[in-house]
Structure formats: structure tokens, C-alpha cells
N, C-alpha and C. Protein backbone atom coordinates (compact mmCIF):
# COMPACT_ATOMS: atom_id res chain seq x y z
N ASN A 1 -8.88 2.74 28.96
CA ASN A 1 -8.26 1.53 28.42
C ASN A 1 -8.24 1.60 26.89
N VAL A 2 -7.20 1.05 26.34
CA VAL A 2 -7.03 1.03 24.89
C VAL A 2 -6.88 -0.42 24.44
N LEU A 3 -7.54 -0.76 23.35
CA LEU A 3 -7.45 -2.10 22.79
C LEU A 3 -6.15 -2.22 22.00
N PRO A 4 -5.33 -3.23 22.27
CA PRO A 4 -4.09 -3.40 21.51
C PRO A 4 -4.39 -3.67 20.04
N GLY A 5 -3.54 -3.14 19.16
CA GLY A 5 -3.74 -3.30 17.72
C GLY A 5 -3.75 -4.75 17.28
N SER A 6 -3.05 -5.61 18.00
CA SER A 6 -3.00 -7.03 17.63
C SER A 6 -4.36 -7.71 17.78
N GLN A 7 -5.27 -7.10 18.56
CA GLN A 7 -6.59 -7.69 18.77
C GLN A 7 -7.64 -7.11 17.82
N VAL A 8 -7.22 -6.17 16.97
CA VAL A 8 -8.14 -5.57 16.00
C VAL A 8 -7.91 -6.24 14.65
N SER A 9 -8.97 -6.78 14.08
CA SER A 9 -8.86 -7.47 12.80
C SER A 9 -8.90 -6.48 11.64
N GLU A 10 -9.89 -5.60 11.67
CA GLU A 10 -10.03 -4.59 10.61
C GLU A 10 -10.88 -3.45 11.15
N PHE A 11 -10.76 -2.28 10.50
CA PHE A 11 -11.60 -1.15 10.87
C PHE A 11 -11.76 -0.23 9.67
N VAL A 12 -12.81 0.60 9.73
CA VAL A 12 -13.10 1.55 8.66
C VAL A 12 -12.86 2.95 9.18
N TRP A 13 -12.13 3.73 8.41
CA TRP A 13 -11.85 5.12 8.74
C TRP A 13 -12.71 5.98 7.83
N TRP A 14 -13.57 6.81 8.41
CA TRP A 14 -14.43 7.71 7.64
C TRP A 14 -13.79 9.08 7.60
N ASP A 15 -13.38 9.53 6.41
CA ASP A 15 -12.80 10.85 6.23
C ASP A 15 -13.94 11.80 5.91
N SER A 16 -14.32 12.61 6.89
CA SER A 16 -15.48 13.48 6.73
C SER A 16 -15.22 14.65 5.79
N VAL A 17 -13.97 15.04 5.63
CA VAL A 17 -13.65 16.14 4.73
C VAL A 17 -13.72 15.68 3.27
N ALA A 18 -13.03 14.58 2.96
CA ALA A 18 -13.02 14.06 1.59
C ALA A 18 -14.26 13.20 1.30
N ARG A 19 -15.01 12.88 2.34
CA ARG A 19 -16.22 12.05 2.24
C ARG A 19 -15.94 10.69 1.60
N ILE A 20 -14.90 10.03 2.10
CA ILE A 20 -14.58 8.68 1.62
C ILE A 20 -14.34 7.77 2.82
N GLN A 21 -14.55 6.49 2.57
CA GLN A 21 -14.26 5.48 3.59
C GLN A 21 -12.97 4.78 3.19
N GLU A 22 -12.13 4.54 4.17
CA GLU A 22 -10.90 3.80 3.94
C GLU A 22 -10.92 2.58 4.84
N LEU A 23 -10.68 1.42 4.25
CA LEU A 23 -10.69 0.17 4.99
C LEU A 23 -9.25 -0.21 5.35
N PHE A 24 -9.04 -0.52 6.63
CA PHE A 24 -7.74 -0.95 7.12
C PHE A 24 -7.87 -2.37 7.65
N ILE A 25 -6.84 -3.17 7.44
CA ILE A 25 -6.86 -4.56 7.87
C ILE A 25 -5.52 -4.89 8.54
N ASN A 26 -5.58 -5.67 9.59
CA ASN A 26 -4.38 -6.04 10.33
C ASN A 26 -3.46 -6.87 9.44
N VAL A 27 -2.14 -6.62 9.51
CA VAL A 27 -1.20 -7.38 8.67
C VAL A 27 -1.18 -8.85 9.05
N ASN A 28 -1.62 -9.18 10.26
CA ASN A 28 -1.66 -10.57 10.70
C ASN A 28 -3.06 -11.18 10.56
N HIS A 29 -3.86 -10.63 9.66
CA HIS A 29 -5.20 -11.15 9.41
C HIS A 29 -5.10 -12.59 8.93
N PRO A 30 -6.03 -13.45 9.33
CA PRO A 30 -5.96 -14.87 8.95
C PRO A 30 -5.95 -15.12 7.43
N LYS A 31 -6.47 -14.18 6.63
CA LYS A 31 -6.48 -14.43 5.19
C LYS A 31 -5.12 -14.20 4.53
N PHE A 32 -4.14 -13.67 5.30
CA PHE A 32 -2.81 -13.41 4.76
C PHE A 32 -1.80 -14.43 5.27
N LYS A 33 -0.91 -14.83 4.38
CA LYS A 33 0.26 -15.60 4.79
C LYS A 33 1.39 -14.58 4.86
N ASN A 34 1.54 -13.97 6.02
CA ASN A 34 2.48 -12.87 6.20
C ASN A 34 3.85 -13.42 6.57
N ASN A 35 4.68 -13.63 5.57
CA ASN A 35 6.03 -14.12 5.84
C ASN A 35 7.06 -12.99 5.77
N LEU A 36 6.60 -11.74 5.79
CA LEU A 36 7.49 -10.59 5.74
C LEU A 36 7.75 -10.02 7.14
N ASN A 37 7.14 -10.62 8.16
CA ASN A 37 7.30 -10.18 9.55
C ASN A 37 6.92 -8.71 9.74
N LEU A 38 5.76 -8.34 9.23
CA LEU A 38 5.27 -6.97 9.33
C LEU A 38 4.39 -6.80 10.56
N LYS A 39 4.26 -5.55 11.01
CA LYS A 39 3.36 -5.23 12.11
C LYS A 39 2.55 -4.02 11.73
N GLY A 40 1.35 -3.92 12.28
CA GLY A 40 0.51 -2.75 12.04
C GLY A 40 -0.68 -3.09 11.16
N PHE A 41 -1.07 -2.11 10.33
CA PHE A 41 -2.26 -2.24 9.49
C PHE A 41 -1.95 -1.87 8.05
N PHE A 42 -2.67 -2.53 7.14
CA PHE A 42 -2.63 -2.17 5.73
C PHE A 42 -3.87 -1.35 5.42
N GLN A 43 -3.72 -0.35 4.58
CA GLN A 43 -4.88 0.33 4.00
C GLN A 43 -5.16 -0.38 2.69
N ILE A 44 -6.39 -0.80 2.48
CA ILE A 44 -6.75 -1.51 1.26
C ILE A 44 -7.06 -0.49 0.17
N LEU A 45 -6.24 -0.51 -0.89
CA LEU A 45 -6.43 0.40 -2.02
C LEU A 45 -7.29 -0.23 -3.10
N SER A 46 -7.20 -1.55 -3.25
CA SER A 46 -8.03 -2.27 -4.21
C SER A 46 -8.33 -3.64 -3.64
N LEU A 47 -9.61 -4.01 -3.67
CA LEU A 47 -10.05 -5.26 -3.08
C LEU A 47 -10.52 -6.20 -4.17
N GLY A 48 -10.14 -7.46 -4.07
CA GLY A 48 -10.55 -8.46 -5.05
C GLY A 48 -9.56 -9.61 -5.07
N ARG A 49 -9.53 -10.32 -6.19
CA ARG A 49 -8.61 -11.44 -6.34
C ARG A 49 -7.16 -10.97 -6.18
N TYR A 50 -6.88 -9.80 -6.76
CA TYR A 50 -5.57 -9.16 -6.62
C TYR A 50 -5.77 -7.95 -5.72
N MET A 51 -5.27 -8.02 -4.49
CA MET A 51 -5.45 -6.92 -3.55
C MET A 51 -4.22 -6.01 -3.58
N LEU A 52 -4.47 -4.71 -3.50
CA LEU A 52 -3.39 -3.73 -3.40
C LEU A 52 -3.49 -3.08 -2.04
N LEU A 53 -2.37 -3.07 -1.31
CA LEU A 53 -2.34 -2.59 0.06
C LEU A 53 -1.26 -1.54 0.24
N LYS A 54 -1.50 -0.62 1.17
CA LYS A 54 -0.50 0.39 1.50
C LYS A 54 -0.28 0.39 3.00
N GLN A 55 0.98 0.40 3.40
CA GLN A 55 1.30 0.51 4.82
C GLN A 55 2.09 1.79 5.01
N THR A 56 1.66 2.60 5.96
CA THR A 56 2.31 3.87 6.26
C THR A 56 3.11 3.72 7.54
N GLU A 57 4.36 4.16 7.49
CA GLU A 57 5.22 4.12 8.66
C GLU A 57 5.69 5.53 8.97
N ILE A 58 5.88 5.80 10.24
CA ILE A 58 6.40 7.09 10.68
C ILE A 58 7.89 6.91 10.95
N VAL A 59 8.70 7.77 10.34
CA VAL A 59 10.14 7.73 10.53
C VAL A 59 10.57 9.05 11.18
N ILE A 60 11.33 8.96 12.25
CA ILE A 60 11.82 10.16 12.94
C ILE A 60 13.31 10.31 12.65
N ARG A 61 13.63 11.42 12.01
CA ARG A 61 15.03 11.71 11.69
C ARG A 61 15.61 12.63 12.76
N ASP A 62 16.80 12.31 13.20
CA ASP A 62 17.48 13.12 14.21
C ASP A 62 17.92 14.46 13.63
N PRO A 63 18.08 15.45 14.50
CA PRO A 63 18.58 16.75 14.03
C PRO A 63 20.00 16.60 13.49
N ASP A 64 20.34 17.43 12.51
CA ASP A 64 21.68 17.38 11.93
C ASP A 64 22.44 18.70 12.15
N PHE A 65 22.17 19.32 13.29
CA PHE A 65 22.78 20.63 13.58
C PHE A 65 24.25 20.46 13.96
N ASN A 66 25.10 21.28 13.35
CA ASN A 66 26.52 21.30 13.65
C ASN A 66 26.80 22.60 14.40
N VAL A 67 27.12 22.49 15.69
CA VAL A 67 27.31 23.65 16.55
C VAL A 67 28.51 24.49 16.08
N ALA A 68 29.59 23.83 15.73
CA ALA A 68 30.81 24.54 15.35
C ALA A 68 30.59 25.43 14.12
N MET A 69 29.80 24.95 13.17
CA MET A 69 29.59 25.71 11.93
C MET A 69 28.26 26.46 11.92
N ASN A 70 27.45 26.21 12.95
CA ASN A 70 26.13 26.84 13.07
C ASN A 70 25.26 26.61 11.82
N VAL A 71 25.24 25.36 11.36
CA VAL A 71 24.42 24.99 10.20
C VAL A 71 23.62 23.74 10.52
N GLY A 72 22.58 23.53 9.77
CA GLY A 72 21.74 22.34 9.93
C GLY A 72 20.46 22.66 10.66
N LYS A 73 19.69 21.61 10.93
CA LYS A 73 18.41 21.76 11.61
C LYS A 73 18.52 21.26 13.04
N LYS A 74 17.94 22.03 13.97
CA LYS A 74 17.96 21.65 15.38
C LYS A 74 16.79 20.74 15.76
N ASP A 75 15.77 20.71 14.91
CA ASP A 75 14.55 19.97 15.22
C ASP A 75 14.58 18.56 14.65
N PHE A 76 13.84 17.68 15.33
CA PHE A 76 13.62 16.35 14.80
C PHE A 76 12.70 16.48 13.59
N ASN A 77 12.86 15.61 12.62
CA ASN A 77 12.04 15.64 11.42
C ASN A 77 11.17 14.38 11.41
N ILE A 78 9.86 14.54 11.33
CA ILE A 78 8.94 13.41 11.32
C ILE A 78 8.41 13.24 9.90
N LEU A 79 8.64 12.06 9.33
CA LEU A 79 8.25 11.78 7.95
C LEU A 79 7.31 10.59 7.88
N LYS A 80 6.41 10.61 6.89
CA LYS A 80 5.56 9.45 6.60
C LYS A 80 6.14 8.75 5.38
N GLU A 81 6.36 7.47 5.50
CA GLU A 81 6.83 6.67 4.37
C GLU A 81 5.80 5.60 4.07
N HIS A 82 5.52 5.42 2.79
CA HIS A 82 4.52 4.44 2.36
C HIS A 82 5.21 3.27 1.66
N GLN A 83 4.78 2.08 2.02
CA GLN A 83 5.21 0.87 1.32
C GLN A 83 3.98 0.25 0.69
N ILE A 84 4.11 -0.17 -0.57
CA ILE A 84 2.98 -0.75 -1.29
C ILE A 84 3.19 -2.25 -1.40
N TYR A 85 2.14 -3.00 -1.11
CA TYR A 85 2.17 -4.46 -1.15
C TYR A 85 0.99 -4.95 -2.00
N TYR A 86 1.09 -6.18 -2.45
CA TYR A 86 -0.04 -6.81 -3.13
C TYR A 86 -0.24 -8.20 -2.55
N VAL A 87 -1.44 -8.72 -2.73
CA VAL A 87 -1.78 -10.05 -2.24
C VAL A 87 -2.40 -10.85 -3.38
N VAL A 88 -1.84 -12.03 -3.63
CA VAL A 88 -2.41 -12.98 -4.58
C VAL A 88 -2.41 -14.34 -3.89
N ASN A 89 -3.56 -14.98 -3.83
CA ASN A 89 -3.71 -16.28 -3.17
C ASN A 89 -3.23 -16.26 -1.72
N GLY A 90 -3.48 -15.15 -1.03
CA GLY A 90 -3.13 -15.03 0.38
C GLY A 90 -1.68 -14.67 0.64
N GLU A 91 -0.84 -14.67 -0.37
CA GLU A 91 0.58 -14.34 -0.20
C GLU A 91 0.78 -12.83 -0.29
N VAL A 92 1.33 -12.25 0.77
CA VAL A 92 1.64 -10.82 0.79
C VAL A 92 3.05 -10.62 0.27
N ALA A 93 3.21 -9.69 -0.68
CA ALA A 93 4.53 -9.41 -1.24
C ALA A 93 4.64 -7.93 -1.55
N ARG A 94 5.86 -7.44 -1.52
CA ARG A 94 6.11 -6.04 -1.87
C ARG A 94 5.99 -5.89 -3.39
N ILE A 95 5.49 -4.74 -3.81
CA ILE A 95 5.34 -4.46 -5.24
C ILE A 95 6.71 -4.55 -5.91
N PRO A 96 6.81 -5.27 -7.03
CA PRO A 96 8.10 -5.40 -7.73
C PRO A 96 8.48 -4.10 -8.44
N PRO A 97 9.69 -4.07 -9.02
CA PRO A 97 10.10 -2.88 -9.79
C PRO A 97 9.09 -2.56 -10.89
N ILE A 98 9.08 -1.30 -11.31
CA ILE A 98 8.06 -0.80 -12.24
C ILE A 98 7.93 -1.65 -13.51
N LYS A 99 9.03 -2.10 -14.07
CA LYS A 99 8.98 -2.85 -15.32
C LYS A 99 8.35 -4.23 -15.16
N LYS A 100 8.25 -4.72 -13.92
CA LYS A 100 7.71 -6.06 -13.68
C LYS A 100 6.37 -6.04 -12.98
N ILE A 101 5.79 -4.87 -12.78
CA ILE A 101 4.53 -4.77 -12.04
C ILE A 101 3.43 -5.59 -12.70
N THR A 102 3.32 -5.53 -14.01
CA THR A 102 2.22 -6.22 -14.68
C THR A 102 2.37 -7.74 -14.62
N ASP A 103 3.55 -8.25 -14.28
CA ASP A 103 3.74 -9.70 -14.14
C ASP A 103 2.91 -10.28 -13.00
N ILE A 104 2.49 -9.43 -12.08
CA ILE A 104 1.64 -9.85 -10.96
C ILE A 104 0.37 -10.53 -11.47
N PHE A 105 -0.16 -10.04 -12.59
CA PHE A 105 -1.46 -10.49 -13.08
C PHE A 105 -1.39 -11.74 -13.95
N GLY A 106 -0.23 -12.31 -14.11
CA GLY A 106 -0.10 -13.56 -14.84
C GLY A 106 -0.62 -13.47 -16.26
N THR A 107 -1.63 -14.29 -16.58
CA THR A 107 -2.17 -14.33 -17.94
C THR A 107 -2.89 -13.05 -18.34
N HIS A 108 -3.21 -12.21 -17.37
CA HIS A 108 -3.90 -10.95 -17.65
C HIS A 108 -2.93 -9.76 -17.76
N SER A 109 -1.64 -10.03 -17.74
CA SER A 109 -0.67 -8.94 -17.74
C SER A 109 -0.74 -8.09 -19.00
N SER A 110 -1.04 -8.69 -20.14
CA SER A 110 -1.14 -7.90 -21.38
C SER A 110 -2.31 -6.92 -21.30
N TRP A 111 -3.40 -7.34 -20.64
CA TRP A 111 -4.54 -6.44 -20.47
C TRP A 111 -4.18 -5.28 -19.54
N ALA A 112 -3.38 -5.57 -18.52
CA ALA A 112 -2.95 -4.52 -17.60
C ALA A 112 -2.06 -3.50 -18.32
N VAL A 113 -1.13 -3.98 -19.16
CA VAL A 113 -0.25 -3.08 -19.92
C VAL A 113 -1.09 -2.21 -20.85
N ARG A 114 -2.04 -2.81 -21.50
CA ARG A 114 -2.92 -2.08 -22.42
C ARG A 114 -3.73 -1.01 -21.68
N PHE A 115 -4.28 -1.36 -20.52
CA PHE A 115 -5.06 -0.42 -19.72
C PHE A 115 -4.19 0.76 -19.27
N ILE A 116 -2.96 0.48 -18.86
CA ILE A 116 -2.03 1.53 -18.43
C ILE A 116 -1.73 2.47 -19.60
N ASP A 117 -1.48 1.90 -20.77
CA ASP A 117 -1.14 2.72 -21.94
C ASP A 117 -2.32 3.57 -22.41
N ILE A 118 -3.49 2.98 -22.49
CA ILE A 118 -4.68 3.70 -22.97
C ILE A 118 -5.03 4.86 -22.04
N ASN A 119 -4.94 4.64 -20.74
CA ASN A 119 -5.33 5.66 -19.75
C ASN A 119 -4.17 6.53 -19.29
N ASN A 120 -2.99 6.31 -19.89
CA ASN A 120 -1.81 7.12 -19.58
C ASN A 120 -1.56 7.19 -18.07
N LEU A 121 -1.50 6.01 -17.43
CA LEU A 121 -1.33 5.93 -15.98
C LEU A 121 0.14 5.84 -15.60
N ASP A 122 0.47 6.39 -14.45
CA ASP A 122 1.81 6.32 -13.89
C ASP A 122 1.77 5.33 -12.73
N VAL A 123 2.37 4.16 -12.91
CA VAL A 123 2.26 3.11 -11.89
C VAL A 123 3.10 3.41 -10.65
N LYS A 124 3.86 4.49 -10.66
CA LYS A 124 4.56 4.93 -9.45
C LYS A 124 3.57 5.57 -8.48
N ASN A 125 2.45 6.05 -9.01
CA ASN A 125 1.41 6.68 -8.21
C ASN A 125 0.49 5.58 -7.66
N PRO A 126 0.37 5.45 -6.33
CA PRO A 126 -0.47 4.39 -5.76
C PRO A 126 -1.93 4.43 -6.22
N HIS A 127 -2.47 5.63 -6.47
CA HIS A 127 -3.87 5.72 -6.92
C HIS A 127 -4.02 5.20 -8.35
N HIS A 128 -3.05 5.46 -9.20
CA HIS A 128 -3.09 4.93 -10.57
C HIS A 128 -2.92 3.42 -10.55
N LEU A 129 -2.03 2.94 -9.68
CA LEU A 129 -1.82 1.50 -9.55
C LEU A 129 -3.09 0.83 -9.05
N ALA A 130 -3.81 1.49 -8.15
CA ALA A 130 -5.08 0.96 -7.65
C ALA A 130 -6.10 0.86 -8.78
N GLU A 131 -6.08 1.81 -9.71
CA GLU A 131 -6.99 1.75 -10.87
C GLU A 131 -6.71 0.51 -11.71
N VAL A 132 -5.43 0.18 -11.89
CA VAL A 132 -5.06 -1.01 -12.67
C VAL A 132 -5.55 -2.26 -11.96
N PHE A 133 -5.32 -2.36 -10.66
CA PHE A 133 -5.76 -3.52 -9.89
C PHE A 133 -7.29 -3.64 -9.94
N THR A 134 -7.99 -2.53 -9.79
CA THR A 134 -9.45 -2.55 -9.82
C THR A 134 -9.95 -2.98 -11.19
N TYR A 135 -9.31 -2.51 -12.25
CA TYR A 135 -9.69 -2.91 -13.62
C TYR A 135 -9.55 -4.42 -13.80
N ILE A 136 -8.41 -4.96 -13.40
CA ILE A 136 -8.18 -6.41 -13.54
C ILE A 136 -9.16 -7.19 -12.67
N ASN A 137 -9.39 -6.74 -11.42
CA ASN A 137 -10.31 -7.43 -10.53
C ASN A 137 -11.74 -7.42 -11.07
N ASN A 138 -12.17 -6.30 -11.63
CA ASN A 138 -13.54 -6.18 -12.13
C ASN A 138 -13.78 -6.95 -13.42
N ASN A 139 -12.76 -7.05 -14.26
CA ASN A 139 -12.95 -7.66 -15.58
C ASN A 139 -12.48 -9.10 -15.68
N PHE A 140 -11.60 -9.53 -14.81
CA PHE A 140 -11.02 -10.87 -14.96
C PHE A 140 -11.05 -11.68 -13.67
N SER A 141 -11.85 -11.29 -12.69
CA SER A 141 -11.84 -11.99 -11.40
C SER A 141 -12.38 -13.41 -11.48
N GLY A 142 -13.27 -13.67 -12.41
CA GLY A 142 -13.86 -15.01 -12.51
C GLY A 142 -13.10 -15.93 -13.44
N LEU A 143 -12.05 -15.45 -14.08
CA LEU A 143 -11.33 -16.27 -15.05
C LEU A 143 -10.12 -16.94 -14.44
């Protein structure tokens, strides 16, 4: 028997090779106001007042083989696609365009811009974006 994903609230994945723990939380968790109609689990990249989440989806692309010209691929292509979301006050939203990312932090946005510039971070990279969220959460969570 297998437990349906809808009945799992959260779980921890232990990566024994990288020796890290990854926390996953159901998109329908009670602490979220999920108005995006999502299903599955979020991986928590940064936890705090401003949460950063990643959802991985599997996309299967059909073969594009052309018999007449004998070109293309005969195999199905399986791809992983990542979508990045953030949570503020329980509201789940997709990460905005790069130029508006720091607007998420409201009055702390200037500190986020400064942190990105000083550390030469690329906010297109989810790990760098997680560093920004963690910095803001650690330094301004009580304000």
C-alpha cells in the first residue's frame, strides 16, 4: 500500500551522498493560501518570514522523428523543469521577473539589492536567490 501524496503534509529527504537534508512540504499545506491551483510538493530553499520554494515537474516530450527524411529522435525525452515560488504572509506566488525580485522584500528591498551587489550573486540561480532570502530572513525577520 502507498500513502497518497495529498495525505502527506511534509517530509525530509536525506541525501546521503551530498550529506544534506532537504525539506519538502505539500502545496496544499494549511499555512499556504494556494490560489495557483498547484499539486505536489515544494522543496523549501529558504525558511522564514520570506520563504523560497522550488517545485520540480517532469515533462515528457514526444519523439520528433521524421520517417521520410530519416531525421530526428525516435525516443521520448524526459525533462525536469523547476518553478520557483515565494511565500509572504501565507500567499504563494511565482517569482517575478529578475528586475522586480527585490520588490518582494518591501522596505528591505534596498538591503537585498546591496547584498546581491556585494556578493556578486546571480538571482537566476535558485541557490543564489536562496542566499538572498536567507540573508533577509536572518537580519530583518523581527522588523
